[in-house]
Amino acid sequence: MMNLPSHRGLRALMEQRNAPCISLFLPAARAGMETQQNPLRLRHQIRAAEHRLHLKNLRARQVEALLESLQALLEAELF
């Protein structure tokens, strides 16, 4: 079962920030053959985020720094 963010949590996410932020929402299977799709779904979301960041004229180094923790998820065994 997925934990939904609280109203307060959503408000905090929506507050204006000085730097770009990335939020991804994707379904993730917990068991069975569908779990093999999890990294693929995340990879597609990361690429879409990267594309949008480049459209905002961010430097490649900034984009790389923003996506670093997401890329690490792809390499995590438990994901």
PDB file of N, CA and C in Angstrom:
ATOM      1  N   MET A   1       0.835  -1.178   0.000  1.00  0.00           N
ATOM      2  CA  MET A   1       0.000   0.000   0.000  1.00  0.00           C
ATOM      3  C   MET A   1       0.880   1.242   0.000  1.00  0.00           C
ATOM      4  N   MET A   2       0.528   2.192  -0.797  1.00  0.00           N
ATOM      5  CA  MET A   2       1.304   3.411  -0.939  1.00  0.00           C
ATOM      6  C   MET A   2       0.905   4.419   0.136  1.00  0.00           C
ATOM      7  N   ASN A   3       1.894   5.097   0.692  1.00  0.00           N
ATOM      8  CA  ASN A   3       1.631   6.180   1.636  1.00  0.00           C
ATOM      9  C   ASN A   3       1.457   7.470   0.858  1.00  0.00           C
ATOM     10  N   LEU A   4       0.304   8.063   0.964  1.00  0.00           N
ATOM     11  CA  LEU A   4       0.055   9.329   0.277  1.00  0.00           C
ATOM     12  C   LEU A   4       0.589  10.479   1.115  1.00  0.00           C
ATOM     13  N   PRO A   5       1.117  11.502   0.473  1.00  0.00           N
ATOM     14  CA  PRO A   5       1.615  12.650   1.235  1.00  0.00           C
ATOM     15  C   PRO A   5       0.452  13.406   1.883  1.00  0.00           C
ATOM     16  N   SER A   6       0.744  13.989   3.016  1.00  0.00           N
ATOM     17  CA  SER A   6      -0.267  14.775   3.726  1.00  0.00           C
ATOM     18  C   SER A   6      -0.454  16.120   3.029  1.00  0.00           C
ATOM     19  N   HIS A   7      -1.521  16.808   3.405  1.00  0.00           N
ATOM     20  CA  HIS A   7      -1.781  18.144   2.857  1.00  0.00           C
ATOM     21  C   HIS A   7      -0.602  19.067   3.173  1.00  0.00           C
ATOM     22  N   ARG A   8      -0.099  18.983   4.384  1.00  0.00           N
ATOM     23  CA  ARG A   8       1.041  19.798   4.808  1.00  0.00           C
ATOM     24  C   ARG A   8       2.283  19.445   3.987  1.00  0.00           C
ATOM     25  N   GLY A   9       2.481  18.150   3.736  1.00  0.00           N
ATOM     26  CA  GLY A   9       3.621  17.711   2.944  1.00  0.00           C
ATOM     27  C   GLY A   9       3.553  18.216   1.513  1.00  0.00           C
ATOM     28  N   LEU A  10       2.357  18.181   0.929  1.00  0.00           N
ATOM     29  CA  LEU A  10       2.182  18.705  -0.432  1.00  0.00           C
ATOM     30  C   LEU A  10       2.433  20.202  -0.485  1.00  0.00           C
ATOM     31  N   ARG A  11       1.950  20.909   0.514  1.00  0.00           N
ATOM     32  CA  ARG A  11       2.185  22.361   0.569  1.00  0.00           C
ATOM     33  C   ARG A  11       3.676  22.681   0.610  1.00  0.00           C
ATOM     34  N   ALA A  12       4.413  21.917   1.403  1.00  0.00           N
ATOM     35  CA  ALA A  12       5.860  22.135   1.514  1.00  0.00           C
ATOM     36  C   ALA A  12       6.539  21.887   0.171  1.00  0.00           C
ATOM     37  N   LEU A  13       6.071  20.876  -0.557  1.00  0.00           N
ATOM     38  CA  LEU A  13       6.652  20.583  -1.867  1.00  0.00           C
ATOM     39  C   LEU A  13       6.358  21.686  -2.884  1.00  0.00           C
ATOM     40  N   MET A  14       5.198  22.332  -2.738  1.00  0.00           N
ATOM     41  CA  MET A  14       4.783  23.336  -3.711  1.00  0.00           C
ATOM     42  C   MET A  14       5.335  24.726  -3.425  1.00  0.00           C
ATOM     43  N   GLU A  15       5.929  24.931  -2.255  1.00  0.00           N
ATOM     44  CA  GLU A  15       6.483  26.242  -1.942  1.00  0.00           C
ATOM     45  C   GLU A  15       7.563  26.606  -2.947  1.00  0.00           C
ATOM     46  N   GLN A  16       7.594  27.858  -3.304  1.00  0.00           N
ATOM     47  CA  GLN A  16       8.573  28.316  -4.275  1.00  0.00           C
ATOM     48  C   GLN A  16       9.979  28.203  -3.708  1.00  0.00           C
ATOM     49  N   ARG A  17      10.876  27.764  -4.528  1.00  0.00           N
ATOM     50  CA  ARG A  17      12.280  27.597  -4.139  1.00  0.00           C
ATOM     51  C   ARG A  17      13.151  28.366  -5.126  1.00  0.00           C
ATOM     52  N   ASN A  18      14.366  28.640  -4.710  1.00  0.00           N
ATOM     53  CA  ASN A  18      15.304  29.346  -5.580  1.00  0.00           C
ATOM     54  C   ASN A  18      15.890  28.434  -6.644  1.00  0.00           C
ATOM     55  N   ALA A  19      16.039  27.175  -6.334  1.00  0.00           N
ATOM     56  CA  ALA A  19      16.654  26.232  -7.272  1.00  0.00           C
ATOM     57  C   ALA A  19      15.591  25.296  -7.846  1.00  0.00           C
ATOM     58  N   PRO A  20      15.859  24.723  -8.990  1.00  0.00           N
ATOM     59  CA  PRO A  20      14.912  23.757  -9.548  1.00  0.00           C
ATOM     60  C   PRO A  20      14.791  22.532  -8.639  1.00  0.00           C
ATOM     61  N   CYS A  21      13.615  21.947  -8.627  1.00  0.00           N
ATOM     62  CA  CYS A  21      13.344  20.740  -7.857  1.00  0.00           C
ATOM     63  C   CYS A  21      12.734  19.702  -8.789  1.00  0.00           C
ATOM     64  N   ILE A  22      12.925  18.449  -8.450  1.00  0.00           N
ATOM     65  CA  ILE A  22      12.376  17.361  -9.249  1.00  0.00           C
ATOM     66  C   ILE A  22      11.502  16.497  -8.358  1.00  0.00           C
ATOM     67  N   SER A  23      10.299  16.245  -8.800  1.00  0.00           N
ATOM     68  CA  SER A  23       9.402  15.309  -8.131  1.00  0.00           C
ATOM     69  C   SER A  23       8.939  14.296  -9.168  1.00  0.00           C
ATOM     70  N   LEU A  24       9.086  13.031  -8.837  1.00  0.00           N
ATOM     71  CA  LEU A  24       8.659  11.966  -9.734  1.00  0.00           C
ATOM     72  C   LEU A  24       7.617  11.116  -9.019  1.00  0.00           C
ATOM     73  N   PHE A  25       6.616  10.717  -9.755  1.00  0.00           N
ATOM     74  CA  PHE A  25       5.616   9.797  -9.233  1.00  0.00           C
ATOM     75  C   PHE A  25       5.466   8.685 -10.248  1.00  0.00           C
ATOM     76  N   LEU A  26       5.727   7.470  -9.814  1.00  0.00           N
ATOM     77  CA  LEU A  26       5.565   6.350 -10.717  1.00  0.00           C
ATOM     78  C   LEU A  26       5.171   5.119  -9.925  1.00  0.00           C
ATOM     79  N   PRO A  27       4.362   4.268 -10.536  1.00  0.00           N
ATOM     80  CA  PRO A  27       3.992   3.032  -9.853  1.00  0.00           C
ATOM     81  C   PRO A  27       5.203   2.105  -9.788  1.00  0.00           C
ATOM     82  N   ALA A  28       5.338   1.408  -8.686  1.00  0.00           N
ATOM     83  CA  ALA A  28       6.439   0.455  -8.539  1.00  0.00           C
ATOM     84  C   ALA A  28       5.874  -0.858  -8.007  1.00  0.00           C
ATOM     85  N   ALA A  29       6.101  -1.911  -8.754  1.00  0.00           N
ATOM     86  CA  ALA A  29       5.643  -3.236  -8.337  1.00  0.00           C
ATOM     87  C   ALA A  29       6.538  -3.744  -7.216  1.00  0.00           C
ATOM     88  N   ARG A  30       5.946  -4.448  -6.278  1.00  0.00           N
ATOM     89  CA  ARG A  30       6.712  -4.963  -5.138  1.00  0.00           C
ATOM     90  C   ARG A  30       7.095  -6.428  -5.282  1.00  0.00           C
ATOM     91  N   ALA A  31       6.397  -7.161  -6.141  1.00  0.00           N
ATOM     92  CA  ALA A  31       6.680  -8.584  -6.267  1.00  0.00           C
ATOM     93  C   ALA A  31       6.340  -9.047  -7.681  1.00  0.00           C
ATOM     94  N   GLY A  32       6.897 -10.186  -8.048  1.00  0.00           N
ATOM     95  CA  GLY A  32       6.577 -10.795  -9.332  1.00  0.00           C
ATOM     96  C   GLY A  32       7.394 -10.224 -10.479  1.00  0.00           C
ATOM     97  N   MET A  33       7.005 -10.650 -11.663  1.00  0.00           N
ATOM     98  CA  MET A  33       7.711 -10.238 -12.875  1.00  0.00           C
ATOM     99  C   MET A  33       7.613  -8.738 -13.134  1.00  0.00           C
ATOM    100  N   GLU A  34       6.556  -8.105 -12.656  1.00  0.00           N
ATOM    101  CA  GLU A  34       6.380  -6.662 -12.867  1.00  0.00           C
ATOM    102  C   GLU A  34       7.509  -5.850 -12.246  1.00  0.00           C
ATOM    103  N   THR A  35       8.207  -6.396 -11.253  1.00  0.00           N
ATOM    104  CA  THR A  35       9.294  -5.647 -10.619  1.00  0.00           C
ATOM    105  C   THR A  35      10.403  -5.325 -11.607  1.00  0.00           C
ATOM    106  N   GLN A  36      10.515  -6.104 -12.664  1.00  0.00           N
ATOM    107  CA  GLN A  36      11.546  -5.845 -13.674  1.00  0.00           C
ATOM    108  C   GLN A  36      11.271  -4.558 -14.435  1.00  0.00           C
ATOM    109  N   GLN A  37      10.034  -4.074 -14.398  1.00  0.00           N
ATOM    110  CA  GLN A  37       9.681  -2.836 -15.079  1.00  0.00           C
ATOM    111  C   GLN A  37      10.020  -1.601 -14.260  1.00  0.00           C
ATOM    112  N   ASN A  38      10.228  -1.766 -12.952  1.00  0.00           N
ATOM    113  CA  ASN A  38      10.490  -0.617 -12.082  1.00  0.00           C
ATOM    114  C   ASN A  38      11.680   0.224 -12.545  1.00  0.00           C
ATOM    115  N   PRO A  39      12.862  -0.378 -12.771  1.00  0.00           N
ATOM    116  CA  PRO A  39      13.996   0.441 -13.227  1.00  0.00           C
ATOM    117  C   PRO A  39      13.741   1.106 -14.579  1.00  0.00           C
ATOM    118  N   LEU A  40      13.039   0.413 -15.451  1.00  0.00           N
ATOM    119  CA  LEU A  40      12.731   0.981 -16.762  1.00  0.00           C
ATOM    120  C   LEU A  40      11.825   2.205 -16.631  1.00  0.00           C
ATOM    121  N   ARG A  41      10.812   2.097 -15.798  1.00  0.00           N
ATOM    122  CA  ARG A  41       9.910   3.242 -15.567  1.00  0.00           C
ATOM    123  C   ARG A  41      10.675   4.426 -14.985  1.00  0.00           C
ATOM    124  N   LEU A  42      11.537   4.134 -14.006  1.00  0.00           N
ATOM    125  CA  LEU A  42      12.322   5.214 -13.400  1.00  0.00           C
ATOM    126  C   LEU A  42      13.259   5.831 -14.430  1.00  0.00           C
ATOM    127  N   ARG A  43      13.903   5.019 -15.232  1.00  0.00           N
ATOM    128  CA  ARG A  43      14.821   5.533 -16.260  1.00  0.00           C
ATOM    129  C   ARG A  43      14.092   6.476 -17.217  1.00  0.00           C
ATOM    130  N   HIS A  44      12.876   6.117 -17.611  1.00  0.00           N
ATOM    131  CA  HIS A  44      12.090   6.981 -18.499  1.00  0.00           C
ATOM    132  C   HIS A  44      11.730   8.301 -17.811  1.00  0.00           C
ATOM    133  N   GLN A  45      11.374   8.237 -16.532  1.00  0.00           N
ATOM    134  CA  GLN A  45      11.050   9.451 -15.799  1.00  0.00           C
ATOM    135  C   GLN A  45      12.276  10.358 -15.653  1.00  0.00           C
ATOM    136  N   ILE A  46      13.426   9.757 -15.413  1.00  0.00           N
ATOM    137  CA  ILE A  46      14.662  10.537 -15.283  1.00  0.00           C
ATOM    138  C   ILE A  46      14.986  11.231 -16.599  1.00  0.00           C
ATOM    139  N   ARG A  47      14.845  10.514 -17.698  1.00  0.00           N
ATOM    140  CA  ARG A  47      15.106  11.127 -19.016  1.00  0.00           C
ATOM    141  C   ARG A  47      14.160  12.287 -19.286  1.00  0.00           C
ATOM    142  N   ALA A  48      12.890  12.114 -18.930  1.00  0.00           N
ATOM    143  CA  ALA A  48      11.919  13.193 -19.126  1.00  0.00           C
ATOM    144  C   ALA A  48      12.279  14.403 -18.271  1.00  0.00           C
ATOM    145  N   ALA A  49      12.689  14.163 -17.040  1.00  0.00           N
ATOM    146  CA  ALA A  49      13.093  15.269 -16.159  1.00  0.00           C
ATOM    147  C   ALA A  49      14.330  15.967 -16.708  1.00  0.00           C
ATOM    148  N   GLU A  50      15.276  15.173 -17.189  1.00  0.00           N
ATOM    149  CA  GLU A  50      16.498  15.742 -17.775  1.00  0.00           C
ATOM    150  C   GLU A  50      16.156  16.633 -18.971  1.00  0.00           C
ATOM    151  N   HIS A  51      15.283  16.168 -19.817  1.00  0.00           N
ATOM    152  CA  HIS A  51      14.860  16.944 -20.984  1.00  0.00           C
ATOM    153  C   HIS A  51      14.226  18.268 -20.552  1.00  0.00           C
ATOM    154  N   ARG A  52      13.340  18.208 -19.571  1.00  0.00           N
ATOM    155  CA  ARG A  52      12.675  19.440 -19.103  1.00  0.00           C
ATOM    156  C   ARG A  52      13.662  20.418 -18.487  1.00  0.00           C
ATOM    157  N   LEU A  53      14.649  19.889 -17.761  1.00  0.00           N
ATOM    158  CA  LEU A  53      15.655  20.767 -17.158  1.00  0.00           C
ATOM    159  C   LEU A  53      16.494  21.448 -18.232  1.00  0.00           C
ATOM    160  N   HIS A  54      16.828  20.725 -19.291  1.00  0.00           N
ATOM    161  CA  HIS A  54      17.587  21.335 -20.390  1.00  0.00           C
ATOM    162  C   HIS A  54      16.750  22.404 -21.098  1.00  0.00           C
ATOM    163  N   LEU A  55      15.442  22.176 -21.192  1.00  0.00           N
ATOM    164  CA  LEU A  55      14.563  23.186 -21.801  1.00  0.00           C
ATOM    165  C   LEU A  55      14.522  24.473 -20.974  1.00  0.00           C
ATOM    166  N   LYS A  56      14.810  24.333 -19.672  1.00  0.00           N
ATOM    167  CA  LYS A  56      14.852  25.508 -18.786  1.00  0.00           C
ATOM    168  C   LYS A  56      16.217  26.183 -18.821  1.00  0.00           C
ATOM    169  N   ASN A  57      17.068  25.737 -19.763  1.00  0.00           N
ATOM    170  CA  ASN A  57      18.399  26.313 -19.982  1.00  0.00           C
ATOM    171  C   ASN A  57      19.346  26.140 -18.797  1.00  0.00           C
ATOM    172  N   LEU A  58      19.203  25.032 -18.066  1.00  0.00           N
ATOM    173  CA  LEU A  58      20.152  24.740 -17.013  1.00  0.00           C
ATOM    174  C   LEU A  58      21.424  24.177 -17.632  1.00  0.00           C
ATOM    175  N   ARG A  59      22.529  24.443 -17.001  1.00  0.00           N
ATOM    176  CA  ARG A  59      23.805  23.918 -17.466  1.00  0.00           C
ATOM    177  C   ARG A  59      23.852  22.415 -17.232  1.00  0.00           C
ATOM    178  N   ALA A  60      24.617  21.730 -18.071  1.00  0.00           N
ATOM    179  CA  ALA A  60      24.725  20.270 -17.982  1.00  0.00           C
ATOM    180  C   ALA A  60      25.179  19.833 -16.593  1.00  0.00           C
ATOM    181  N   ARG A  61      26.088  20.563 -15.995  1.00  0.00           N
ATOM    182  CA  ARG A  61      26.589  20.221 -14.655  1.00  0.00           C
ATOM    183  C   ARG A  61      25.483  20.352 -13.608  1.00  0.00           C
ATOM    184  N   GLN A  62      24.621  21.370 -13.747  1.00  0.00           N
ATOM    185  CA  GLN A  62      23.496  21.534 -12.818  1.00  0.00           C
ATOM    186  C   GLN A  62      22.511  20.382 -12.963  1.00  0.00           C
ATOM    187  N   VAL A  63      22.211  20.024 -14.196  1.00  0.00           N
ATOM    188  CA  VAL A  63      21.283  18.927 -14.461  1.00  0.00           C
ATOM    189  C   VAL A  63      21.836  17.632 -13.875  1.00  0.00           C
ATOM    190  N   GLU A  64      23.106  17.378 -14.091  1.00  0.00           N
ATOM    191  CA  GLU A  64      23.745  16.170 -13.581  1.00  0.00           C
ATOM    192  C   GLU A  64      23.655  16.110 -12.052  1.00  0.00           C
ATOM    193  N   ALA A  65      23.895  17.240 -11.392  1.00  0.00           N
ATOM    194  CA  ALA A  65      23.829  17.284  -9.929  1.00  0.00           C
ATOM    195  C   ALA A  65      22.407  17.021  -9.430  1.00  0.00           C
ATOM    196  N   LEU A  66      21.424  17.567 -10.123  1.00  0.00           N
ATOM    197  CA  LEU A  66      20.035  17.367  -9.721  1.00  0.00           C
ATOM    198  C   LEU A  66      19.594  15.912  -9.888  1.00  0.00           C
ATOM    199  N   LEU A  67      20.112  15.249 -10.903  1.00  0.00           N
ATOM    200  CA  LEU A  67      19.692  13.886 -11.209  1.00  0.00           C
ATOM    201  C   LEU A  67      20.547  12.815 -10.532  1.00  0.00           C
ATOM    202  N   GLU A  68      21.597  13.229  -9.861  1.00  0.00           N
ATOM    203  CA  GLU A  68      22.552  12.279  -9.280  1.00  0.00           C
ATOM    204  C   GLU A  68      21.897  11.275  -8.334  1.00  0.00           C
ATOM    205  N   SER A  69      21.081  11.720  -7.409  1.00  0.00           N
ATOM    206  CA  SER A  69      20.475  10.795  -6.448  1.00  0.00           C
ATOM    207  C   SER A  69      19.465   9.870  -7.124  1.00  0.00           C
ATOM    208  N   LEU A  70      18.799  10.364  -8.171  1.00  0.00           N
ATOM    209  CA  LEU A  70      17.869   9.507  -8.906  1.00  0.00           C
ATOM    210  C   LEU A  70      18.617   8.427  -9.678  1.00  0.00           C
ATOM    211  N   GLN A  71      19.736   8.799 -10.272  1.00  0.00           N
ATOM    212  CA  GLN A  71      20.555   7.822 -10.990  1.00  0.00           C
ATOM    213  C   GLN A  71      21.057   6.740 -10.035  1.00  0.00           C
ATOM    214  N   ALA A  72      21.368   7.135  -8.798  1.00  0.00           N
ATOM    215  CA  ALA A  72      21.850   6.174  -7.805  1.00  0.00           C
ATOM    216  C   ALA A  72      20.780   5.132  -7.488  1.00  0.00           C
ATOM    217  N   LEU A  73      19.515   5.522  -7.555  1.00  0.00           N
ATOM    218  CA  LEU A  73      18.440   4.556  -7.324  1.00  0.00           C
ATOM    219  C   LEU A  73      18.459   3.432  -8.358  1.00  0.00           C
ATOM    220  N   LEU A  74      18.817   3.764  -9.584  1.00  0.00           N
ATOM    221  CA  LEU A  74      18.878   2.748 -10.635  1.00  0.00           C
ATOM    222  C   LEU A  74      19.944   1.697 -10.348  1.00  0.00           C
ATOM    223  N   GLU A  75      20.980   2.112  -9.638  1.00  0.00           N
ATOM    224  CA  GLU A  75      22.081   1.209  -9.333  1.00  0.00           C
ATOM    225  C   GLU A  75      21.870   0.441  -8.035  1.00  0.00           C
ATOM    226  N   ALA A  76      20.865   0.828  -7.258  1.00  0.00           N
ATOM    227  CA  ALA A  76      20.618   0.167  -5.972  1.00  0.00           C
ATOM    228  C   ALA A  76      20.034  -1.230  -6.199  1.00  0.00           C
ATOM    229  N   GLU A  77      20.584  -2.206  -5.525  1.00  0.00           N
ATOM    230  CA  GLU A  77      20.130  -3.592  -5.675  1.00  0.00           C
ATOM    231  C   GLU A  77      18.679  -3.758  -5.260  1.00  0.00           C
ATOM    232  N   LEU A  78      18.287  -3.099  -4.199  1.00  0.00           N
ATOM    233  CA  LEU A  78      16.938  -3.277  -3.655  1.00  0.00           C
ATOM    234  C   LEU A  78      15.860  -2.635  -4.509  1.00  0.00           C
ATOM    235  N   PHE A  79      16.238  -1.704  -5.377  1.00  0.00           N
ATOM    236  CA  PHE A  79      15.212  -1.071  -6.207  1.00  0.00           C
ATOM    237  C   PHE A  79      14.712  -2.068  -7.207  1.00  0.00           C
TER     238      PHE A  79
END
